């Protein structure tokens, strides 16, 4: 089921904050499970760094390019590991909002 696209910059920021939280939750869940950790290690740290940087850029108002049909920086990583990302729909929704605008 598709998530509702954010209607404005503040809703976009809220969803982005949720994505950062989801990374933290995933990290907490896999810390004690080495088998699961192997599945997420290839993308978790880079995705975390990209989402946190993006969150700060949006929070500070320096992210530009909404509605210009460009992807967010994490999309290359997303495409490669999409099936392993539990909150992929959230990331897909954020990217769609950025590509299409509000």
N, C-alpha and C. Protein backbone atom coordinates (compact mmCIF):
# COMPACT_ATOMS: atom_id res chain seq x y z
N UNK A 1 0.83 -1.18 0.00
CA UNK A 1 0.00 0.00 0.00
C UNK A 1 0.88 1.25 0.00
N UNK A 2 0.61 2.16 -0.87
CA UNK A 2 1.42 3.36 -1.00
C UNK A 2 1.12 4.34 0.13
N UNK A 3 2.16 5.01 0.57
CA UNK A 3 2.01 6.04 1.59
C UNK A 3 1.50 7.31 0.92
N UNK A 4 0.87 8.16 1.72
CA UNK A 4 0.43 9.44 1.20
C UNK A 4 1.63 10.37 1.04
N UNK A 5 1.70 11.00 -0.11
CA UNK A 5 2.78 11.93 -0.40
C UNK A 5 2.66 13.16 0.49
N UNK A 6 3.79 13.66 1.01
CA UNK A 6 3.72 14.87 1.82
C UNK A 6 3.19 16.04 1.00
N UNK A 7 2.42 16.91 1.68
CA UNK A 7 1.80 18.04 0.99
C UNK A 7 2.64 19.31 1.02
N UNK A 8 3.64 19.33 1.90
CA UNK A 8 4.48 20.53 2.00
C UNK A 8 5.85 20.17 2.58
N UNK A 9 6.68 21.19 2.69
CA UNK A 9 8.05 21.02 3.17
C UNK A 9 8.08 20.43 4.58
N UNK A 10 7.19 20.89 5.46
CA UNK A 10 7.16 20.39 6.84
C UNK A 10 6.81 18.91 6.90
N UNK A 11 5.84 18.49 6.11
CA UNK A 11 5.48 17.07 6.08
C UNK A 11 6.62 16.24 5.49
N UNK A 12 7.31 16.80 4.51
CA UNK A 12 8.47 16.12 3.94
C UNK A 12 9.53 15.93 5.02
N UNK A 13 9.80 16.98 5.79
CA UNK A 13 10.78 16.91 6.87
C UNK A 13 10.36 15.88 7.91
N UNK A 14 9.08 15.82 8.24
CA UNK A 14 8.59 14.83 9.20
C UNK A 14 8.82 13.40 8.69
N UNK A 15 8.53 13.17 7.42
CA UNK A 15 8.75 11.83 6.85
C UNK A 15 10.24 11.49 6.81
N UNK A 16 11.05 12.46 6.53
CA UNK A 16 12.50 12.25 6.51
C UNK A 16 13.00 11.92 7.91
N UNK A 17 12.47 12.61 8.90
CA UNK A 17 12.82 12.31 10.29
C UNK A 17 12.41 10.88 10.63
N UNK A 18 11.26 10.45 10.14
CA UNK A 18 10.80 9.08 10.37
C UNK A 18 11.76 8.08 9.72
N UNK A 19 12.29 8.40 8.55
CA UNK A 19 13.24 7.50 7.88
C UNK A 19 14.51 7.36 8.71
N UNK A 20 15.00 8.45 9.28
CA UNK A 20 16.19 8.39 10.14
C UNK A 20 15.88 7.51 11.35
N UNK A 21 14.71 7.68 11.92
CA UNK A 21 14.28 6.85 13.05
C UNK A 21 14.23 5.37 12.66
N UNK A 22 13.72 5.08 11.48
CA UNK A 22 13.62 3.69 11.01
C UNK A 22 15.01 3.06 10.90
N UNK A 23 15.99 3.82 10.46
CA UNK A 23 17.37 3.30 10.40
C UNK A 23 17.85 2.96 11.81
N UNK A 24 17.60 3.86 12.75
CA UNK A 24 18.01 3.61 14.13
C UNK A 24 17.32 2.36 14.69
N UNK A 25 16.05 2.21 14.39
CA UNK A 25 15.30 1.03 14.86
C UNK A 25 15.84 -0.26 14.23
N UNK A 26 16.13 -0.21 12.95
CA UNK A 26 16.68 -1.39 12.28
C UNK A 26 18.02 -1.76 12.89
N UNK A 27 18.86 -0.77 13.12
CA UNK A 27 20.17 -1.02 13.72
C UNK A 27 20.00 -1.67 15.11
N UNK A 28 19.07 -1.17 15.91
CA UNK A 28 18.83 -1.73 17.25
C UNK A 28 18.34 -3.18 17.16
N UNK A 29 17.52 -3.46 16.18
CA UNK A 29 16.96 -4.81 16.03
C UNK A 29 18.00 -5.84 15.62
N UNK A 30 18.98 -5.43 14.85
CA UNK A 30 19.93 -6.41 14.31
C UNK A 30 21.22 -6.51 15.12
N UNK A 31 21.41 -5.65 16.10
CA UNK A 31 22.66 -5.67 16.87
C UNK A 31 22.96 -7.02 17.49
N UNK A 32 21.95 -7.71 17.95
CA UNK A 32 22.15 -8.99 18.63
C UNK A 32 21.94 -10.20 17.72
N UNK A 33 21.80 -9.98 16.44
CA UNK A 33 21.55 -11.09 15.52
C UNK A 33 22.53 -11.03 14.36
N UNK A 34 23.69 -11.67 14.52
CA UNK A 34 24.73 -11.61 13.48
C UNK A 34 24.27 -12.07 12.09
N UNK A 35 23.36 -13.04 12.05
CA UNK A 35 22.88 -13.50 10.75
C UNK A 35 22.10 -12.41 10.03
N UNK A 36 21.25 -11.72 10.75
CA UNK A 36 20.48 -10.62 10.16
C UNK A 36 21.40 -9.45 9.81
N UNK A 37 22.42 -9.25 10.64
CA UNK A 37 23.32 -8.13 10.42
C UNK A 37 24.00 -8.23 9.05
N UNK A 38 24.37 -9.44 8.66
CA UNK A 38 25.03 -9.63 7.36
C UNK A 38 24.16 -9.13 6.21
N UNK A 39 22.88 -9.28 6.36
CA UNK A 39 21.93 -8.85 5.31
C UNK A 39 21.90 -7.33 5.17
N UNK A 40 22.04 -6.62 6.28
CA UNK A 40 21.86 -5.17 6.28
C UNK A 40 23.17 -4.37 6.25
N UNK A 41 24.27 -4.99 6.61
CA UNK A 41 25.56 -4.28 6.66
C UNK A 41 25.93 -3.59 5.35
N UNK A 42 25.69 -4.19 4.19
CA UNK A 42 26.12 -3.54 2.95
C UNK A 42 25.50 -2.17 2.69
N UNK A 43 24.34 -1.89 3.28
CA UNK A 43 23.70 -0.61 2.98
C UNK A 43 23.38 0.25 4.20
N UNK A 44 23.38 -0.32 5.39
CA UNK A 44 22.87 0.41 6.55
C UNK A 44 23.67 1.67 6.88
N UNK A 45 24.98 1.57 6.98
CA UNK A 45 25.78 2.76 7.31
C UNK A 45 25.71 3.84 6.24
N UNK A 46 25.89 3.49 4.96
CA UNK A 46 25.79 4.55 3.95
C UNK A 46 24.39 5.17 3.87
N UNK A 47 23.35 4.36 4.01
CA UNK A 47 21.99 4.90 3.99
C UNK A 47 21.76 5.82 5.18
N UNK A 48 22.24 5.39 6.34
CA UNK A 48 22.12 6.21 7.54
C UNK A 48 22.79 7.58 7.33
N UNK A 49 24.00 7.57 6.84
CA UNK A 49 24.74 8.83 6.62
C UNK A 49 24.02 9.72 5.61
N UNK A 50 23.53 9.13 4.53
CA UNK A 50 22.85 9.92 3.51
C UNK A 50 21.54 10.51 4.03
N UNK A 51 20.78 9.73 4.79
CA UNK A 51 19.51 10.23 5.33
C UNK A 51 19.73 11.33 6.36
N UNK A 52 20.74 11.18 7.20
CA UNK A 52 21.02 12.20 8.22
C UNK A 52 21.48 13.50 7.56
N UNK A 53 22.32 13.40 6.55
CA UNK A 53 22.78 14.59 5.83
C UNK A 53 21.60 15.26 5.12
N UNK A 54 20.77 14.46 4.51
CA UNK A 54 19.59 14.98 3.82
C UNK A 54 18.64 15.66 4.81
N UNK A 55 18.44 15.04 5.98
CA UNK A 55 17.58 15.63 7.00
C UNK A 55 18.11 17.00 7.41
N UNK A 56 19.40 17.10 7.64
CA UNK A 56 19.99 18.39 8.02
C UNK A 56 19.84 19.42 6.91
N UNK A 57 20.04 18.99 5.67
CA UNK A 57 19.88 19.92 4.54
C UNK A 57 18.44 20.44 4.46
N UNK A 58 17.48 19.55 4.66
CA UNK A 58 16.08 19.96 4.60
C UNK A 58 15.76 20.85 5.80
N UNK A 59 16.23 20.45 6.97
CA UNK A 59 15.96 21.23 8.18
C UNK A 59 16.52 22.65 8.08
N UNK A 60 17.68 22.77 7.44
CA UNK A 60 18.31 24.08 7.29
C UNK A 60 17.83 24.84 6.07
N UNK A 61 16.97 24.19 5.28
CA UNK A 61 16.41 24.86 4.12
C UNK A 61 17.34 24.96 2.93
N UNK A 62 18.36 24.11 2.88
CA UNK A 62 19.31 24.18 1.77
C UNK A 62 19.05 23.15 0.68
N UNK A 63 18.07 22.27 0.88
CA UNK A 63 17.73 21.31 -0.17
C UNK A 63 16.87 22.02 -1.21
N UNK A 64 17.34 22.02 -2.42
CA UNK A 64 16.59 22.64 -3.51
C UNK A 64 16.32 21.59 -4.57
N UNK A 65 15.53 21.93 -5.55
CA UNK A 65 15.30 21.02 -6.65
C UNK A 65 14.01 20.23 -6.58
N UNK A 66 13.12 20.58 -5.68
CA UNK A 66 11.84 19.88 -5.61
C UNK A 66 11.09 20.06 -6.93
N UNK A 67 10.51 18.98 -7.41
CA UNK A 67 9.70 19.03 -8.62
C UNK A 67 10.48 19.12 -9.91
N UNK A 68 11.77 18.79 -9.87
CA UNK A 68 12.60 18.87 -11.08
C UNK A 68 12.98 17.50 -11.62
N UNK A 69 12.20 16.49 -11.26
CA UNK A 69 12.38 15.12 -11.77
C UNK A 69 13.76 14.54 -11.48
N UNK A 70 14.36 14.96 -10.39
CA UNK A 70 15.65 14.38 -9.98
C UNK A 70 15.43 13.51 -8.75
N UNK A 71 16.29 12.50 -8.61
CA UNK A 71 16.22 11.61 -7.46
C UNK A 71 17.02 12.16 -6.29
N UNK A 72 16.61 11.75 -5.10
CA UNK A 72 17.37 12.07 -3.90
C UNK A 72 18.66 11.25 -3.90
N UNK A 73 19.69 11.71 -3.18
CA UNK A 73 20.99 11.05 -3.22
C UNK A 73 21.00 9.57 -2.84
N UNK A 74 20.09 9.14 -1.98
CA UNK A 74 20.12 7.75 -1.55
C UNK A 74 19.56 6.77 -2.58
N UNK A 75 19.01 7.24 -3.68
CA UNK A 75 18.31 6.35 -4.60
C UNK A 75 19.20 5.30 -5.26
N UNK A 76 20.45 5.61 -5.52
CA UNK A 76 21.34 4.59 -6.11
C UNK A 76 21.48 3.41 -5.15
N UNK A 77 21.65 3.70 -3.89
CA UNK A 77 21.75 2.67 -2.87
C UNK A 77 20.40 1.96 -2.71
N UNK A 78 19.33 2.72 -2.73
CA UNK A 78 17.99 2.17 -2.61
C UNK A 78 17.70 1.15 -3.71
N UNK A 79 17.99 1.50 -4.93
CA UNK A 79 17.71 0.61 -6.05
C UNK A 79 18.48 -0.71 -5.90
N UNK A 80 19.69 -0.60 -5.43
CA UNK A 80 20.53 -1.79 -5.29
C UNK A 80 20.03 -2.73 -4.19
N UNK A 81 19.53 -2.14 -3.09
CA UNK A 81 19.16 -2.95 -1.92
C UNK A 81 17.69 -2.88 -1.55
N UNK A 82 16.86 -2.43 -2.45
CA UNK A 82 15.45 -2.18 -2.16
C UNK A 82 14.76 -3.33 -1.45
N UNK A 83 14.95 -4.53 -1.92
CA UNK A 83 14.20 -5.66 -1.33
C UNK A 83 14.60 -5.96 0.11
N UNK A 84 15.77 -5.48 0.53
CA UNK A 84 16.23 -5.72 1.90
C UNK A 84 15.90 -4.57 2.86
N UNK A 85 15.36 -3.49 2.36
CA UNK A 85 15.06 -2.33 3.20
C UNK A 85 13.61 -2.43 3.69
N UNK A 86 13.42 -2.64 5.00
CA UNK A 86 12.07 -2.82 5.52
C UNK A 86 11.17 -1.59 5.35
N UNK A 87 11.74 -0.41 5.31
CA UNK A 87 10.96 0.82 5.19
C UNK A 87 11.10 1.44 3.80
N UNK A 88 11.17 0.56 2.81
CA UNK A 88 11.38 1.00 1.43
C UNK A 88 10.26 1.89 0.91
N UNK A 89 9.03 1.65 1.36
CA UNK A 89 7.91 2.47 0.88
C UNK A 89 8.05 3.91 1.36
N UNK A 90 8.55 4.09 2.55
CA UNK A 90 8.81 5.44 3.06
C UNK A 90 9.86 6.15 2.20
N UNK A 91 10.93 5.46 1.88
CA UNK A 91 11.98 6.06 1.04
C UNK A 91 11.47 6.34 -0.37
N UNK A 92 10.66 5.45 -0.89
CA UNK A 92 10.07 5.63 -2.22
C UNK A 92 9.15 6.87 -2.23
N UNK A 93 8.37 7.03 -1.17
CA UNK A 93 7.46 8.18 -1.05
C UNK A 93 8.23 9.49 -0.97
N UNK A 94 9.29 9.51 -0.18
CA UNK A 94 10.12 10.72 -0.08
C UNK A 94 10.70 11.09 -1.44
N UNK A 95 11.22 10.11 -2.14
CA UNK A 95 11.82 10.39 -3.44
C UNK A 95 10.78 10.89 -4.44
N UNK A 96 9.60 10.28 -4.42
CA UNK A 96 8.54 10.73 -5.33
C UNK A 96 8.15 12.18 -5.05
N UNK A 97 8.07 12.54 -3.78
CA UNK A 97 7.73 13.92 -3.41
C UNK A 97 8.80 14.88 -3.89
N UNK A 98 10.05 14.48 -3.80
CA UNK A 98 11.14 15.33 -4.25
C UNK A 98 11.10 15.47 -5.78
N UNK A 99 10.92 14.35 -6.46
CA UNK A 99 10.88 14.36 -7.93
C UNK A 99 9.72 15.19 -8.48
N UNK A 100 8.55 15.01 -7.88
CA UNK A 100 7.33 15.61 -8.41
C UNK A 100 6.97 16.95 -7.79
N UNK A 101 7.53 17.24 -6.61
CA UNK A 101 7.16 18.45 -5.88
C UNK A 101 5.88 18.22 -5.10
N UNK A 102 5.46 19.25 -4.39
CA UNK A 102 4.28 19.12 -3.52
C UNK A 102 3.01 19.45 -4.26
